[in-house]
Protein backbone atom coordinates (compact mmCIF):
# COMPACT_ATOMS: atom_id res chain seq x y z
CA MET A 1 35.95 129.63 -62.50
CA ILE A 2 35.15 131.71 -59.39
CA ARG A 3 34.60 134.98 -61.24
CA TYR A 4 32.33 133.27 -63.79
CA VAL A 5 30.33 131.64 -61.02
CA ASP A 6 29.95 135.02 -59.28
CA LYS A 7 28.63 136.57 -62.51
CA PHE A 8 26.20 133.68 -62.97
CA ILE A 9 24.92 133.87 -59.37
CA ASN A 10 24.38 137.64 -59.71
CA TYR A 11 22.42 136.98 -62.92
CA LEU A 12 20.23 134.44 -61.10
CA LYS A 13 19.58 136.86 -58.23
CA ILE A 14 18.97 140.03 -60.21
CA GLU A 15 17.51 138.95 -63.56
CA ARG A 16 15.98 135.55 -62.78
CA ASN A 17 14.91 136.44 -59.22
CA VAL A 18 15.35 132.82 -58.10
CA SER A 19 14.91 131.67 -54.50
CA GLU A 20 17.71 131.57 -51.95
CA HIS A 21 17.39 127.78 -51.83
CA THR A 22 18.05 127.58 -55.60
CA ILE A 23 21.05 129.91 -55.26
CA ILE A 24 22.55 127.61 -52.62
CA ASN A 25 22.03 124.53 -54.81
CA TYR A 26 23.64 126.16 -57.86
CA SER A 27 26.58 127.37 -55.76
CA VAL A 28 27.19 123.91 -54.28
CA ASP A 29 26.92 122.19 -57.68
CA LEU A 30 29.30 124.60 -59.39
CA ARG A 31 31.78 124.45 -56.51
CA ASP A 32 31.83 120.65 -56.81
CA PHE A 33 32.44 120.94 -60.55
CA GLY A 34 35.23 123.45 -59.94
CA SER A 35 36.92 120.98 -57.54
CA PHE A 36 36.73 118.29 -60.20
CA LEU A 37 38.31 120.57 -62.83
CA GLU A 38 41.32 121.37 -60.62
CA ASP A 39 43.66 123.27 -63.00
CA ILE A 40 41.48 123.03 -66.11
CA LYS A 41 40.30 126.50 -67.15
CA ILE A 42 36.61 127.01 -67.85
CA GLU A 43 37.44 128.04 -71.45
CA SER A 44 39.06 124.62 -71.96
CA VAL A 45 36.04 122.59 -70.81
CA THR A 46 34.75 120.37 -73.62
CA TYR A 47 31.99 117.82 -74.03
CA LEU A 48 34.53 115.08 -73.15
CA VAL A 49 35.44 116.83 -69.87
CA LEU A 50 31.75 116.93 -68.95
CA ARG A 51 31.42 113.23 -69.83
CA ARG A 52 34.33 112.49 -67.48
CA TYR A 53 32.60 114.49 -64.76
CA LEU A 54 29.43 112.47 -65.35
CA ALA A 55 31.44 109.25 -64.99
CA HIS A 56 33.05 110.64 -61.82
CA MET A 57 29.63 111.33 -60.25
CA ARG A 58 28.58 107.76 -61.00
CA GLU A 59 31.79 106.41 -59.45
CA VAL A 60 31.10 108.23 -56.17
CA ASN A 61 27.56 106.79 -56.19
CA PHE A 62 25.54 109.97 -56.56
CA SER A 63 21.86 109.16 -57.04
CA LYS A 64 20.32 109.69 -60.48
CA ARG A 65 18.33 112.60 -59.08
CA THR A 66 21.48 114.31 -57.73
CA VAL A 67 23.32 113.76 -61.03
CA ALA A 68 20.37 115.20 -62.95
CA ARG A 69 20.28 118.28 -60.71
CA LYS A 70 24.03 118.91 -61.04
CA LEU A 71 23.86 118.52 -64.83
CA ALA A 72 20.93 120.96 -64.94
CA SER A 73 23.05 123.46 -62.98
CA LEU A 74 25.93 123.03 -65.42
CA ARG A 75 23.66 123.42 -68.45
CA SER A 76 22.28 126.69 -67.08
CA PHE A 77 25.80 127.89 -66.21
CA PHE A 78 27.32 127.17 -69.61
CA ARG A 79 24.26 128.48 -71.44
CA PHE A 80 24.76 131.78 -69.57
CA LEU A 81 28.48 131.93 -70.36
CA TYR A 82 27.88 131.20 -74.05
CA ARG A 83 25.02 133.71 -74.35
CA GLU A 84 27.05 136.45 -72.64
CA GLY A 85 30.03 135.82 -74.94
CA TYR A 86 32.43 134.45 -72.33
CA LEU A 87 32.67 131.17 -74.26
CA LYS A 88 32.74 130.56 -78.02
CA THR A 89 30.85 127.27 -77.74
CA ASN A 90 28.52 125.64 -75.22
CA PRO A 91 30.05 122.28 -74.21
CA ALA A 92 26.96 121.29 -72.22
CA SER A 93 24.45 121.68 -75.07
CA SER A 94 24.44 117.98 -75.97
CA ILE A 95 24.82 116.45 -72.49
CA ALA A 96 21.86 114.16 -71.80
CA THR A 97 20.23 113.88 -68.38
CA PRO A 98 19.99 110.35 -66.95
CA LYS A 99 16.46 108.99 -67.01
CA LEU A 100 14.95 109.26 -63.55
CA ASP A 101 12.91 106.59 -61.87
CA LYS A 102 9.47 108.01 -61.22
CA LYS A 103 8.60 107.59 -57.57
CA LEU A 104 5.13 108.17 -56.26
CA PRO A 105 5.18 110.78 -53.50
CA LEU A 106 4.56 109.43 -50.01
CA PHE A 107 1.28 110.62 -48.53
CA LEU A 108 -0.87 110.00 -45.47
CA ASP A 109 -4.50 108.91 -45.53
CA THR A 110 -7.12 111.19 -43.97
CA ASN A 111 -7.13 109.41 -40.62
CA GLU A 112 -3.34 109.58 -40.36
CA VAL A 113 -3.40 113.31 -41.13
CA VAL A 114 -5.98 113.93 -38.40
CA LYS A 115 -3.95 111.87 -35.93
CA LEU A 116 -0.80 113.86 -36.71
CA ILE A 117 -2.50 117.26 -36.54
CA GLU A 118 -4.17 116.47 -33.22
CA ALA A 119 -0.96 115.12 -31.65
CA PRO A 120 0.15 118.39 -29.95
CA ASP A 121 -1.22 118.84 -26.42
CA GLU A 122 -3.06 122.15 -26.15
CA GLY A 123 -1.58 123.01 -22.77
CA ASP A 124 1.07 125.57 -23.68
CA VAL A 125 1.93 128.14 -26.34
CA ALA A 126 4.45 125.89 -28.11
CA ALA A 127 1.81 123.18 -28.55
CA LEU A 128 -0.72 125.71 -29.87
CA ARG A 129 1.89 126.95 -32.33
CA ASP A 130 2.73 123.42 -33.43
CA ARG A 131 -0.96 122.60 -33.95
CA ALA A 132 -1.32 125.77 -36.05
CA ILE A 133 1.75 124.81 -38.12
CA LEU A 134 0.41 121.32 -38.87
CA GLU A 135 -3.09 122.62 -39.63
CA THR A 136 -1.70 125.29 -41.99
CA LEU A 137 0.63 122.92 -43.86
CA TYR A 138 -2.21 120.51 -44.58
CA SER A 139 -4.89 123.15 -45.15
CA THR A 140 -2.90 125.09 -47.76
CA GLY A 141 -0.35 122.64 -49.18
CA MET A 142 2.38 125.21 -48.54
CA ARG A 143 6.04 124.36 -48.75
CA VAL A 144 7.94 124.76 -45.47
CA GLY A 145 9.86 127.73 -46.90
CA GLU A 146 6.57 129.42 -47.74
CA LEU A 147 5.20 128.75 -44.26
CA VAL A 148 8.14 130.30 -42.41
CA ARG A 149 8.00 133.41 -44.65
CA LEU A 150 4.34 133.94 -43.77
CA ASN A 151 3.63 137.34 -42.19
CA MET A 152 0.66 138.50 -40.11
CA ASP A 153 -0.67 140.72 -42.90
CA ASN A 154 -0.48 137.84 -45.40
CA ILE A 155 -3.50 136.15 -43.79
CA ASP A 156 -7.03 137.37 -44.51
CA PHE A 157 -9.05 135.88 -41.65
CA ILE A 158 -12.33 137.19 -43.05
CA GLY A 159 -11.80 136.10 -46.64
CA GLY A 160 -10.12 132.83 -45.65
CA VAL A 161 -7.09 133.23 -47.92
CA ALA A 162 -3.35 133.63 -47.45
CA LYS A 163 -0.81 135.39 -49.64
CA VAL A 164 2.08 132.99 -50.22
CA TYR A 165 5.55 133.81 -51.55
CA GLY A 166 6.68 130.73 -53.46
CA LYS A 167 9.67 129.70 -55.54
CA GLY A 168 11.27 132.52 -57.47
CA ARG A 169 9.50 134.92 -55.07
CA LYS A 170 6.29 134.42 -57.01
CA GLU A 171 3.11 135.42 -55.18
CA ARG A 172 -0.10 133.45 -55.08
CA LEU A 173 -3.30 133.46 -53.06
CA THR A 174 -4.32 130.17 -51.49
CA PRO A 175 -7.44 129.31 -49.52
CA ILE A 176 -6.90 128.50 -45.85
CA GLY A 177 -9.50 126.47 -43.99
CA ASP A 178 -11.50 127.41 -40.90
CA LYS A 179 -9.72 124.86 -38.71
CA ALA A 180 -6.31 126.25 -39.64
CA LEU A 181 -7.49 129.83 -39.06
CA ARG A 182 -8.93 128.85 -35.68
CA ALA A 183 -5.66 127.18 -34.70
CA ILE A 184 -3.69 130.30 -35.70
CA ARG A 185 -6.05 132.53 -33.68
CA ASN A 186 -5.68 130.28 -30.63
CA TYR A 187 -1.92 130.54 -30.96
CA PHE A 188 -2.00 134.34 -31.35
CA GLU A 189 -4.15 134.72 -28.23
CA ARG A 190 -1.66 132.90 -26.02
CA ARG A 191 1.74 133.99 -27.26
CA MET A 192 3.59 136.60 -25.19
CA VAL A 193 3.37 139.97 -26.90
CA LYS A 194 6.27 141.38 -24.86
CA LYS A 195 8.63 138.71 -26.20
CA LEU A 196 7.89 139.43 -29.86
CA LYS A 197 11.09 140.48 -31.62
CA ASP A 198 9.70 139.87 -35.09
CA LYS A 199 6.27 141.49 -35.02
CA LYS A 200 5.49 140.54 -38.64
CA ALA A 201 6.14 136.79 -38.54
CA VAL A 202 3.26 134.38 -37.92
CA PHE A 203 5.28 131.50 -36.45
CA LEU A 204 7.91 132.30 -33.85
CA ASN A 205 10.40 130.40 -31.69
CA LYS A 206 10.62 130.78 -27.92
CA SER A 207 12.99 133.76 -28.38
CA GLY A 208 10.32 135.66 -30.30
CA THR A 209 12.03 135.45 -33.69
CA ARG A 210 10.86 133.82 -36.91
CA LEU A 211 11.02 130.03 -37.14
CA THR A 212 13.44 128.51 -39.66
CA ASP A 213 12.83 125.66 -42.11
CA ARG A 214 14.85 123.36 -39.88
CA SER A 215 12.77 124.26 -36.82
CA VAL A 216 9.54 123.36 -38.61
CA ARG A 217 11.02 120.03 -39.70
CA ARG A 218 11.93 119.31 -36.07
CA VAL A 219 8.35 120.13 -35.04
CA VAL A 220 6.92 117.67 -37.58
CA ASP A 221 9.48 114.99 -36.65
CA LYS A 222 8.52 115.33 -32.99
CA TYR A 223 4.86 114.52 -33.61
CA ILE A 224 5.59 111.81 -36.17
CA LYS A 225 7.51 109.98 -33.45
CA ARG A 226 4.71 110.63 -30.95
CA VAL A 227 2.05 109.02 -33.15
CA ALA A 228 4.46 106.24 -34.20
CA PHE A 229 4.17 106.78 -37.95
CA ARG A 230 6.48 105.09 -40.44
CA GLU A 231 9.80 106.73 -41.25
CA LYS A 232 10.57 109.15 -44.09
CA ILE A 233 7.59 111.39 -43.35
CA SER A 234 8.48 115.07 -43.58
CA PRO A 235 6.61 118.39 -43.68
CA HIS A 236 6.47 117.89 -47.47
CA THR A 237 4.41 114.74 -46.87
CA LEU A 238 1.56 117.00 -45.75
CA ARG A 239 1.85 118.86 -49.07
CA HIS A 240 1.71 115.51 -50.91
CA SER A 241 -1.31 114.50 -48.81
CA PHE A 242 -3.03 117.84 -49.52
CA ALA A 243 -2.71 117.35 -53.30
CA THR A 244 -3.61 113.66 -53.24
CA HIS A 245 -6.74 114.16 -51.14
CA LEU A 246 -7.97 116.98 -53.37
CA LEU A 247 -7.57 114.87 -56.51
CA ASP A 248 -9.09 111.83 -54.82
CA ARG A 249 -12.19 113.90 -54.12
CA GLY A 250 -12.62 115.14 -57.65
CA ALA A 251 -10.56 118.36 -57.86
CA ASP A 252 -9.24 119.02 -61.36
CA LEU A 253 -5.52 118.93 -62.01
CA ARG A 254 -5.32 122.56 -63.19
CA SER A 255 -6.82 123.85 -59.93
CA VAL A 256 -4.45 121.73 -57.86
CA GLN A 257 -1.55 123.11 -59.92
CA GLU A 258 -2.61 126.66 -58.98
CA LEU A 259 -3.00 125.76 -55.31
CA LEU A 260 0.46 124.17 -55.18
CA GLY A 261 2.10 127.03 -57.06
CA HIS A 262 3.58 124.78 -59.75
CA ALA A 263 4.80 126.55 -62.87
CA ASN A 264 4.16 123.50 -65.07
CA LEU A 265 1.23 121.12 -65.11
CA SER A 266 3.64 118.22 -65.63
CA THR A 267 4.99 118.78 -62.11
CA THR A 268 1.49 118.37 -60.68
CA GLN A 269 0.77 115.22 -62.70
CA ILE A 270 2.81 113.12 -60.28
CA TYR A 271 -0.14 113.49 -57.90
CA THR A 272 -2.52 111.78 -60.29
CA HIS A 273 -1.74 108.57 -58.46
CA VAL A 274 -4.92 107.87 -56.53
CA THR A 275 -5.87 105.39 -53.87
CA THR A 276 -6.98 101.89 -54.83
CA LYS A 277 -10.38 102.63 -53.35
CA ARG A 278 -10.87 105.64 -55.64
CA LEU A 279 -9.73 103.65 -58.69
CA LYS A 280 -12.20 100.85 -57.91
CA GLU A 281 -15.04 103.34 -57.47
CA VAL A 282 -14.32 104.92 -60.87
CA TYR A 283 -13.91 101.52 -62.52
CA GLU A 284 -17.15 100.11 -61.11
CA LYS A 285 -19.05 103.24 -62.07
CA ALA A 286 -17.66 103.59 -65.60
CA HIS A 287 -16.95 100.08 -66.91
CA PRO A 288 -19.95 98.38 -68.54
CA ARG A 289 -19.00 94.94 -67.28
CA ALA A 290 -17.38 95.77 -63.94
């Protein structure tokens, strides 16, 4: 099992060029499956073994989303082994994914976004950095991983665009608003040049090295608590808010797809939920007997 997993992970890294986050997920999922197999060899895995694993995941109360992700990992793994000739058949070819409940993404209204962004005090460098982080997340709709990978030369202050490295190391250009650019400039002017250990990174910790995903999540959590927002708000909520507000104000779905860096339009369609106010405006304008 281990040697097959190693071959598969190398394939993902070299040929598929997938993100480090995806590599970690695949590794965890396949390790869990290997623990379930115990002494069963990978060549002996059948459709029935996979069905037993599916039943096992339900018994330990994995969510439908987690089960779906683990099954997707197994399908990719066995498809690779079959295609490369390590297996004579693909036991995962007919495994069905459980139907997922579609949940609308949580988003903030415009006033809540403003309140969150303006929460940092502008007295010290850390607060200026935090304000720039919040402004940039909402202005661009970036993922946290994309934000922490941002380098100084990725931002065009004159053109008002940023080069973003998304999932699968795909590049895209995204507009970045004046308020976000101003917040970044204010942060740059105050941070200690002598302490810079990573001279390329835009957002740094107090040691002068690049911020991590976890650090950014802590920053957002800090200000969520300060403005007393409801729970379950994360940095990704600003991405949801970015997409929702654009669509609410008439942006077309294809443009929002490009801005978010989604490979498929179907991924973006979850944001077609709109506020009740917007729906009523459209209804009253379009319906002949509204």
